[in-house]
Amino acid sequence: MATSALLAAAGGAGCLSRSTTVVMGAASGHHIFRLKGYSQAKELPNGQYMNLGAFDVGGHSWSLRFYPNGHGSDEGKDHISFYLSRDGDLSCSGMPARFVLSLLGPDGKPSYSRTAGITPFNKMNYGYPNFLGREEFEKSSCLQDDSFAIRCDISVAATEEEPATTAKGLAGDPTPAAAAAFLPKSDLQKDLAELLWSKLGADVTIVVGGETFHAHKLLLGARSPEFRERFFGSATQKIMYSAAHIQIQIEGMEPEAFKSLLHFMYTDTLPKVDDEEALYKMATGLLAAAGRYKIEKLKEMCEEVLCERVDMSTVEASLALCEQHHCPALKAVCMEFLAAPENLKAIVAEDGLLQRLNKSCHTVLMEIFMKKLVEKEAAEAAPKL
């Protein structure tokens, strides 16, 4: 089956969802690919691949190929294979880059990773024919509901020296010039986290639900338009908040949610949690905080976490969050879930759930029923073969 036909059978563009977060730095970034319909992808024979998509890092376009039945009859046999390629003109000088491929677990964290050294990328693609045994992959928690996610991290060198390569298509020992092109990993996130929790130089005390937090007005203002306006907006506010150290109180927010908000504002990451349930609970609280303080990236990250957890136990609460905080991506996932005939039947069968949804999310239900009606009329009007 051709790749395009396979994608169509798996649901087309709707089955392959992607999200990108580019990490700060001139030549580093990562991309998360999600594939739905793995069982159909397995119809591709050994040596044939699906292109999972492309993204830009370091002024170059990169794409990831997935071989469901392996690449190569020897090394790739009984394995899944992934290959990274640099698109465009492949000059003989190459483009030295490091990359890491990580299958993500249910909690969104890397569960299995392969790390390549400095790789020249002066050929079409480089990767792992034996990335992971197919049987091991299919039994792992990385494959959930016939779908999986894989993250690709890339660091691109600032020079175009050609490192040596090995016969396996991955980088060997780099040349001194290529190795020197890579700077040490930034400690900025760690340093800012230390600054937050050490309270060093803090000039604002924030009281939330009886708990006290210490922070820095300049950093809060830089990260949030709401705090920027509060501390540095009108002339009256500037005078009010110009003291060397001030104290403010925030109402209508849980201390734990505000603590997570501060962590994100200082580190640009979500706090680490123990399990998926804790992640869902944190994202629910942080979504409101992100909207309140106008931090769009945090809102998108929370929305992505909530999208992964839409099921019978969460759809009601998720739709309520859509109504409160305007979450188009989460709303689309909820509508897709509710539109599935088996889910719709389960909702009707559950005592009181349909009535509650109709009361709190009437507009969404009407959209679903109208969509179903249009689909039914279109099917009835279609010529019978």
Protein backbone atom coordinates (compact mmCIF):
# COMPACT_ATOMS: atom_id res chain seq x y z
CA MET A 1 0.00 0.00 0.00
CA ALA A 2 1.42 3.46 -0.88
CA THR A 3 2.25 5.79 1.99
CA SER A 4 -0.39 8.32 0.94
CA ALA A 5 -3.04 5.60 0.75
CA LEU A 6 -2.01 4.28 4.13
CA LEU A 7 -2.31 7.72 5.66
CA ALA A 8 -5.73 8.09 4.11
CA ALA A 9 -6.80 4.72 5.53
CA ALA A 10 -5.54 5.76 8.94
CA GLY A 11 -7.60 8.90 8.85
CA GLY A 12 -5.46 11.28 6.79
CA ALA A 13 -4.23 14.48 8.36
CA GLY A 14 -6.51 14.03 11.34
CA CYS A 15 -4.68 10.85 12.37
CA LEU A 16 -1.20 12.34 12.35
CA SER A 17 -1.04 15.18 14.84
CA ARG A 18 2.13 17.10 15.56
CA SER A 19 3.26 19.70 18.04
CA THR A 20 6.51 21.62 18.13
CA THR A 21 8.41 23.39 20.86
CA VAL A 22 11.60 25.13 19.78
CA VAL A 23 14.05 25.38 22.66
CA MET A 24 15.82 28.71 23.14
CA GLY A 25 19.16 28.74 21.32
CA ALA A 26 20.27 29.61 17.81
CA ALA A 27 20.76 26.04 16.68
CA SER A 28 18.83 23.61 18.84
CA GLY A 29 15.22 22.51 19.06
CA HIS A 30 12.86 19.58 19.27
CA HIS A 31 9.73 18.28 17.64
CA ILE A 32 7.15 15.78 18.91
CA PHE A 33 5.54 13.54 16.29
CA ARG A 34 2.34 11.62 17.06
CA LEU A 35 1.16 8.75 14.87
CA LYS A 36 -2.35 7.32 15.18
CA GLY A 37 -3.10 4.10 13.34
CA TYR A 38 0.02 2.03 13.98
CA SER A 39 -1.75 -1.23 13.11
CA GLN A 40 -2.45 0.09 9.61
CA ALA A 41 1.08 1.45 9.28
CA LYS A 42 2.33 -2.12 9.76
CA GLU A 43 0.98 -2.94 6.31
CA LEU A 44 4.10 -1.32 4.84
CA PRO A 45 6.72 -3.99 4.01
CA ASN A 46 10.33 -3.95 5.19
CA GLY A 47 12.26 -1.06 3.68
CA GLN A 48 9.24 1.20 3.08
CA TYR A 49 8.59 4.20 5.28
CA MET A 50 6.13 6.89 6.27
CA ASN A 51 7.37 10.48 6.48
CA LEU A 52 6.10 11.70 9.86
CA GLY A 53 6.60 15.36 8.99
CA ALA A 54 9.20 18.14 8.95
CA PHE A 55 10.36 20.98 11.18
CA ASP A 56 13.05 23.68 11.13
CA VAL A 57 16.12 23.94 13.35
CA GLY A 58 19.30 25.91 12.71
CA GLY A 59 18.11 27.27 9.38
CA HIS A 60 17.52 23.78 7.97
CA SER A 61 14.46 21.64 7.44
CA TRP A 62 14.53 18.18 9.06
CA SER A 63 12.15 15.27 8.57
CA LEU A 64 11.69 11.93 10.34
CA ARG A 65 11.02 8.65 8.52
CA PHE A 66 9.32 5.72 10.25
CA TYR A 67 9.81 2.15 8.96
CA PRO A 68 7.12 0.05 10.74
CA ASN A 69 8.71 -3.19 9.55
CA GLY A 70 12.30 -2.09 9.71
CA HIS A 71 14.86 -0.80 7.25
CA GLY A 72 17.11 -3.52 5.86
CA SER A 73 16.56 -7.25 5.87
CA ASP A 74 19.46 -7.92 8.23
CA GLU A 75 19.74 -5.27 10.97
CA GLY A 76 16.21 -3.97 10.56
CA LYS A 77 14.45 -7.31 10.56
CA ASP A 78 11.92 -7.65 13.40
CA HIS A 79 12.55 -4.04 14.46
CA ILE A 80 11.00 -0.64 13.99
CA SER A 81 13.39 1.86 12.36
CA PHE A 82 13.63 5.65 12.45
CA TYR A 83 15.80 7.80 10.17
CA LEU A 84 16.36 11.56 10.34
CA SER A 85 17.08 13.46 7.16
CA ARG A 86 18.14 17.00 6.32
CA ASP A 87 16.09 18.32 3.43
CA GLY A 88 17.33 20.58 0.67
CA ASP A 89 20.82 20.81 -0.88
CA LEU A 90 23.11 18.12 0.57
CA SER A 91 26.53 19.66 -0.03
CA CYS A 92 29.65 17.57 0.34
CA SER A 93 30.69 19.67 3.36
CA GLY A 94 27.73 18.34 5.32
CA MET A 95 25.99 19.86 8.33
CA PRO A 96 27.26 18.44 11.65
CA ALA A 97 24.44 17.82 14.11
CA ARG A 98 23.66 15.77 17.18
CA PHE A 99 20.26 14.19 17.58
CA VAL A 100 18.29 12.13 20.09
CA LEU A 101 15.17 10.09 19.28
CA SER A 102 12.93 9.31 22.26
CA LEU A 103 9.73 7.27 22.37
CA LEU A 104 7.43 8.94 24.89
CA GLY A 105 5.52 7.11 27.60
CA PRO A 106 1.95 7.83 28.74
CA ASP A 107 3.25 10.65 30.97
CA GLY A 108 4.81 12.41 27.99
CA LYS A 109 8.35 11.72 29.21
CA PRO A 110 11.03 9.77 27.30
CA SER A 111 10.64 6.04 27.90
CA TYR A 112 13.22 4.73 25.40
CA SER A 113 15.91 6.83 23.70
CA ARG A 114 18.74 6.45 21.22
CA THR A 115 21.42 9.17 21.07
CA ALA A 116 23.61 9.86 18.04
CA GLY A 117 26.97 11.59 18.30
CA ILE A 118 28.01 14.32 15.89
CA THR A 119 26.60 13.25 12.53
CA PRO A 120 27.63 14.89 9.21
CA PHE A 121 24.26 14.84 7.37
CA ASN A 122 26.05 15.01 4.02
CA LYS A 123 23.90 12.10 2.84
CA MET A 124 20.17 11.65 2.56
CA ASN A 125 19.47 10.37 6.08
CA TYR A 126 20.92 8.81 9.22
CA GLY A 127 19.21 6.68 11.82
CA TYR A 128 18.69 3.35 13.49
CA PRO A 129 17.61 0.27 11.50
CA ASN A 130 17.30 -1.60 14.82
CA PHE A 131 15.85 1.25 16.88
CA LEU A 132 13.71 -1.13 18.99
CA GLY A 133 12.46 -4.69 18.58
CA ARG A 134 8.94 -4.65 17.14
CA GLU A 135 7.58 -7.14 19.68
CA GLU A 136 9.13 -5.21 22.57
CA PHE A 137 7.70 -1.95 21.21
CA GLU A 138 4.20 -3.37 20.82
CA LYS A 139 4.21 -4.64 24.42
CA SER A 140 5.54 -1.35 25.81
CA SER A 141 3.54 1.48 27.36
CA CYS A 142 4.75 3.73 24.52
CA LEU A 143 2.08 2.22 22.25
CA GLN A 144 -1.34 3.26 23.58
CA ASP A 145 -4.66 3.02 21.72
CA ASP A 146 -2.86 2.14 18.48
CA SER A 147 -0.80 5.35 18.63
CA PHE A 148 2.59 6.53 19.82
CA ALA A 149 4.64 9.71 20.14
CA ILE A 150 8.32 10.16 19.40
CA ARG A 151 10.41 13.20 20.21
CA CYS A 152 13.37 14.32 18.11
CA ASP A 153 15.94 16.67 19.70
CA ILE A 154 18.54 18.28 17.41
CA SER A 155 21.60 20.46 18.07
CA VAL A 156 23.12 21.86 14.88
CA ALA A 157 26.78 22.94 14.73
CA ALA A 158 27.63 26.48 13.75
CA THR A 159 30.13 25.26 11.14
CA GLU A 160 29.98 22.96 8.15
CA GLU A 161 32.97 20.69 8.78
CA GLU A 162 32.65 17.05 7.77
CA PRO A 163 33.01 14.61 10.68
CA ALA A 164 34.01 11.00 10.07
CA THR A 165 31.22 8.46 9.68
CA THR A 166 30.76 4.81 10.48
CA ALA A 167 29.40 2.09 8.24
CA LYS A 168 26.12 2.09 10.18
CA GLY A 169 25.21 5.58 8.96
CA LEU A 170 25.77 7.32 12.32
CA ALA A 171 28.53 9.74 13.24
CA GLY A 172 31.90 8.42 14.27
CA ASP A 173 34.68 10.42 15.91
CA PRO A 174 34.12 14.11 15.10
CA THR A 175 36.81 16.37 13.70
CA PRO A 176 38.13 18.94 16.21
CA ALA A 177 36.46 21.79 14.32
CA ALA A 178 33.05 20.09 14.41
CA ALA A 179 33.37 19.17 18.09
CA ALA A 180 34.33 22.74 18.99
CA ALA A 181 31.21 24.02 17.21
CA PHE A 182 29.03 22.69 20.06
CA LEU A 183 28.79 24.82 23.17
CA PRO A 184 27.96 23.29 26.57
CA LYS A 185 24.28 22.94 27.34
CA SER A 186 22.80 26.12 28.81
CA ASP A 187 22.33 26.23 32.58
CA LEU A 188 19.85 29.11 32.35
CA GLN A 189 16.80 27.09 33.43
CA LYS A 190 18.64 25.59 36.41
CA ASP A 191 20.10 28.97 37.41
CA LEU A 192 16.73 30.73 37.25
CA ALA A 193 15.09 27.93 39.25
CA GLU A 194 17.78 28.37 41.91
CA LEU A 195 17.16 32.11 41.89
CA LEU A 196 13.45 31.54 42.52
CA TRP A 197 13.68 29.05 45.38
CA SER A 198 16.74 30.65 47.03
CA LYS A 199 14.83 33.99 47.21
CA LEU A 200 18.09 35.79 46.34
CA GLY A 201 17.34 39.37 45.32
CA ALA A 202 13.57 38.86 45.56
CA ASP A 203 11.70 42.17 45.60
CA VAL A 204 8.06 41.06 45.74
CA THR A 205 6.28 38.88 48.29
CA ILE A 206 3.12 37.21 47.00
CA VAL A 207 0.52 35.77 49.35
CA VAL A 208 -1.73 33.08 47.86
CA GLY A 209 -4.24 31.19 49.99
CA GLY A 210 -2.26 31.86 53.16
CA GLU A 211 1.07 30.72 51.66
CA THR A 212 3.90 33.14 50.90
CA PHE A 213 6.07 33.17 47.77
CA HIS A 214 9.06 35.37 46.90
CA ALA A 215 9.81 36.48 43.36
CA HIS A 216 11.32 39.20 41.17
CA LYS A 217 9.17 41.93 39.63
CA LEU A 218 11.30 42.28 36.49
CA LEU A 219 11.12 38.58 35.65
CA LEU A 220 7.38 38.34 36.35
CA GLY A 221 6.82 41.42 34.19
CA ALA A 222 8.92 40.00 31.38
CA ARG A 223 6.99 36.71 31.37
CA SER A 224 3.42 37.93 31.89
CA PRO A 225 1.63 40.91 30.30
CA GLU A 226 -0.66 40.96 33.34
CA PHE A 227 2.21 41.33 35.83
CA ARG A 228 3.95 43.79 33.49
CA GLU A 229 0.91 46.04 33.52
CA ARG A 230 0.51 45.63 37.28
CA PHE A 231 4.10 46.51 38.16
CA PHE A 232 5.16 48.83 35.34
CA GLY A 233 1.94 50.06 33.70
CA SER A 234 0.29 53.36 34.53
CA ALA A 235 2.03 56.15 36.42
CA THR A 236 -0.12 55.40 39.48
CA GLN A 237 0.90 51.76 39.47
CA LYS A 238 4.57 52.62 38.99
CA ILE A 239 4.46 54.76 42.12
CA MET A 240 2.50 52.09 44.02
CA TYR A 241 4.96 49.33 43.15
CA SER A 242 8.21 51.33 43.03
CA ALA A 243 9.24 50.44 46.59
CA ALA A 244 12.36 48.30 46.99
CA HIS A 245 10.23 45.44 48.26
CA ILE A 246 6.45 45.12 48.00
CA GLN A 247 3.81 42.60 49.04
CA ILE A 248 0.72 41.69 47.04
CA GLN A 249 -2.11 39.24 47.58
CA ILE A 250 -3.67 37.03 44.92
CA GLU A 251 -7.22 35.76 45.38
CA GLY A 252 -9.04 32.91 43.66
CA MET A 253 -6.06 30.62 43.14
CA GLU A 254 -4.71 27.57 44.95
CA PRO A 255 -1.17 27.89 46.36
CA GLU A 256 -0.04 24.72 44.57
CA ALA A 257 -1.21 26.09 41.21
CA PHE A 258 0.62 29.37 41.82
CA LYS A 259 3.79 27.50 42.80
CA SER A 260 3.62 25.61 39.48
CA LEU A 261 2.99 28.89 37.66
CA LEU A 262 6.13 30.43 39.18
CA HIS A 263 8.14 27.35 38.23
CA PHE A 264 7.05 27.73 34.60
CA MET A 265 7.69 31.48 34.53
CA TYR A 266 11.27 30.97 35.72
CA THR A 267 12.17 27.78 33.83
CA ASP A 268 9.79 27.60 30.84
CA THR A 269 8.97 24.00 31.86
CA LEU A 270 6.22 22.24 33.79
CA PRO A 271 7.17 20.92 37.24
CA LYS A 272 7.95 17.20 37.40
CA VAL A 273 5.15 15.09 38.86
CA ASP A 274 4.89 11.47 39.99
CA ASP A 275 2.21 10.15 37.65
CA GLU A 276 -0.27 10.90 34.89
CA GLU A 277 -3.09 11.70 37.32
CA ALA A 278 -0.96 14.34 39.06
CA LEU A 279 -0.02 15.81 35.66
CA TYR A 280 -3.68 16.06 34.68
CA LYS A 281 -4.60 17.73 37.97
CA MET A 282 -1.73 20.21 37.66
CA ALA A 283 -2.63 21.07 34.04
CA THR A 284 -6.25 21.71 35.05
CA GLY A 285 -5.21 24.23 37.70
CA LEU A 286 -2.51 25.82 35.55
CA LEU A 287 -4.85 26.34 32.59
CA ALA A 288 -6.83 28.93 34.55
CA ALA A 289 -3.62 30.58 35.78
CA ALA A 290 -2.21 30.74 32.25
CA GLY A 291 -5.35 32.50 31.02
CA ARG A 292 -5.43 34.87 33.97
CA TYR A 293 -1.83 35.98 33.47
CA LYS A 294 -1.92 35.81 29.64
CA ILE A 295 0.85 33.23 29.20
CA GLU A 296 -0.08 31.61 25.89
CA LYS A 297 2.67 29.00 25.76
CA LEU A 298 1.70 27.65 29.18
CA LYS A 299 -1.94 27.55 28.13
CA GLU A 300 -1.06 25.53 25.01
CA MET A 301 1.06 23.09 27.04
CA CYS A 302 -1.77 22.54 29.56
CA GLU A 303 -4.26 22.10 26.74
CA GLU A 304 -2.04 19.45 25.16
CA VAL A 305 -1.88 17.50 28.45
CA LEU A 306 -5.67 17.66 28.81
CA CYS A 307 -6.19 16.57 25.19
CA GLU A 308 -4.26 13.37 25.92
CA ARG A 309 -6.62 12.52 28.80
CA VAL A 310 -10.06 12.96 27.23
CA ASP A 311 -12.19 9.93 28.14
CA MET A 312 -15.53 9.15 29.78
CA SER A 313 -14.27 10.22 33.20
CA THR A 314 -12.87 13.59 32.06
CA VAL A 315 -14.91 14.75 29.05
CA GLU A 316 -17.48 16.62 31.16
CA ALA A 317 -14.82 18.58 33.07
CA SER A 318 -12.81 19.13 29.87
CA LEU A 319 -15.80 20.67 28.07
CA ALA A 320 -16.40 22.95 31.05
CA LEU A 321 -12.78 24.12 30.81
CA CYS A 322 -13.29 24.79 27.09
CA GLU A 323 -16.25 27.03 27.89
CA GLN A 324 -14.40 28.88 30.67
CA HIS A 325 -10.98 29.40 29.06
CA HIS A 326 -11.55 29.21 25.29
CA CYS A 327 -9.55 26.09 24.39
CA PRO A 328 -10.17 25.32 20.69
CA ALA A 329 -7.82 22.31 20.51
CA LEU A 330 -9.31 20.70 23.61
CA LYS A 331 -12.82 21.39 22.34
CA ALA A 332 -12.02 19.70 19.02
CA VAL A 333 -10.72 16.58 20.81
CA CYS A 334 -13.80 16.47 23.05
CA MET A 335 -16.12 16.81 20.06
CA GLU A 336 -14.29 14.02 18.25
CA PHE A 337 -14.62 11.83 21.35
CA LEU A 338 -18.32 12.57 21.80
CA ALA A 339 -19.06 12.09 18.11
CA ALA A 340 -17.90 8.45 18.19
CA PRO A 341 -21.08 6.31 18.22
CA GLU A 342 -19.92 4.03 21.05
CA ASN A 343 -19.03 7.02 23.25
CA LEU A 344 -22.31 8.76 22.49
CA LYS A 345 -24.21 5.62 23.50
CA ALA A 346 -22.23 5.37 26.75
CA ILE A 347 -23.03 8.99 27.58
CA VAL A 348 -26.75 8.48 26.97
CA ALA A 349 -26.65 5.33 29.11
CA GLU A 350 -24.88 7.00 32.05
CA ASP A 351 -27.42 8.39 34.47
CA GLY A 352 -27.66 12.19 34.30
CA LEU A 353 -24.53 12.76 32.22
CA LEU A 354 -26.30 13.81 29.02
CA GLN A 355 -28.51 16.21 30.97
CA ARG A 356 -25.49 17.79 32.68
CA LEU A 357 -23.64 18.15 29.37
CA ASN A 358 -26.70 19.67 27.75
CA LYS A 359 -26.93 22.17 30.58
CA SER A 360 -23.25 23.15 30.78
CA CYS A 361 -22.16 22.63 27.16
CA HIS A 362 -25.35 22.97 25.11
CA THR A 363 -23.60 24.64 22.17
CA VAL A 364 -21.04 21.86 21.83
CA LEU A 365 -23.70 19.14 21.87
CA MET A 366 -25.70 21.00 19.22
CA GLU A 367 -22.58 21.22 17.01
CA ILE A 368 -22.07 17.46 17.33
CA PHE A 369 -25.69 16.58 16.57
CA MET A 370 -25.74 18.96 13.59
CA LYS A 371 -22.53 17.42 12.26
CA LYS A 372 -24.03 13.93 12.61
CA LEU A 373 -27.20 15.06 10.85
CA VAL A 374 -25.24 16.53 7.92
CA GLU A 375 -23.16 13.34 7.65
CA LYS A 376 -26.30 11.19 7.67
CA GLU A 377 -28.01 13.31 4.98
CA ALA A 378 -24.87 13.24 2.85
CA ALA A 379 -24.66 9.45 3.15
CA GLU A 380 -28.33 9.04 2.21
CA ALA A 381 -27.94 11.38 -0.78
CA ALA A 382 -24.84 9.60 -2.08
CA PRO A 383 -25.48 7.38 -5.13
CA LYS A 384 -25.73 3.69 -4.30
CA LEU A 385 -23.17 1.51 -6.04
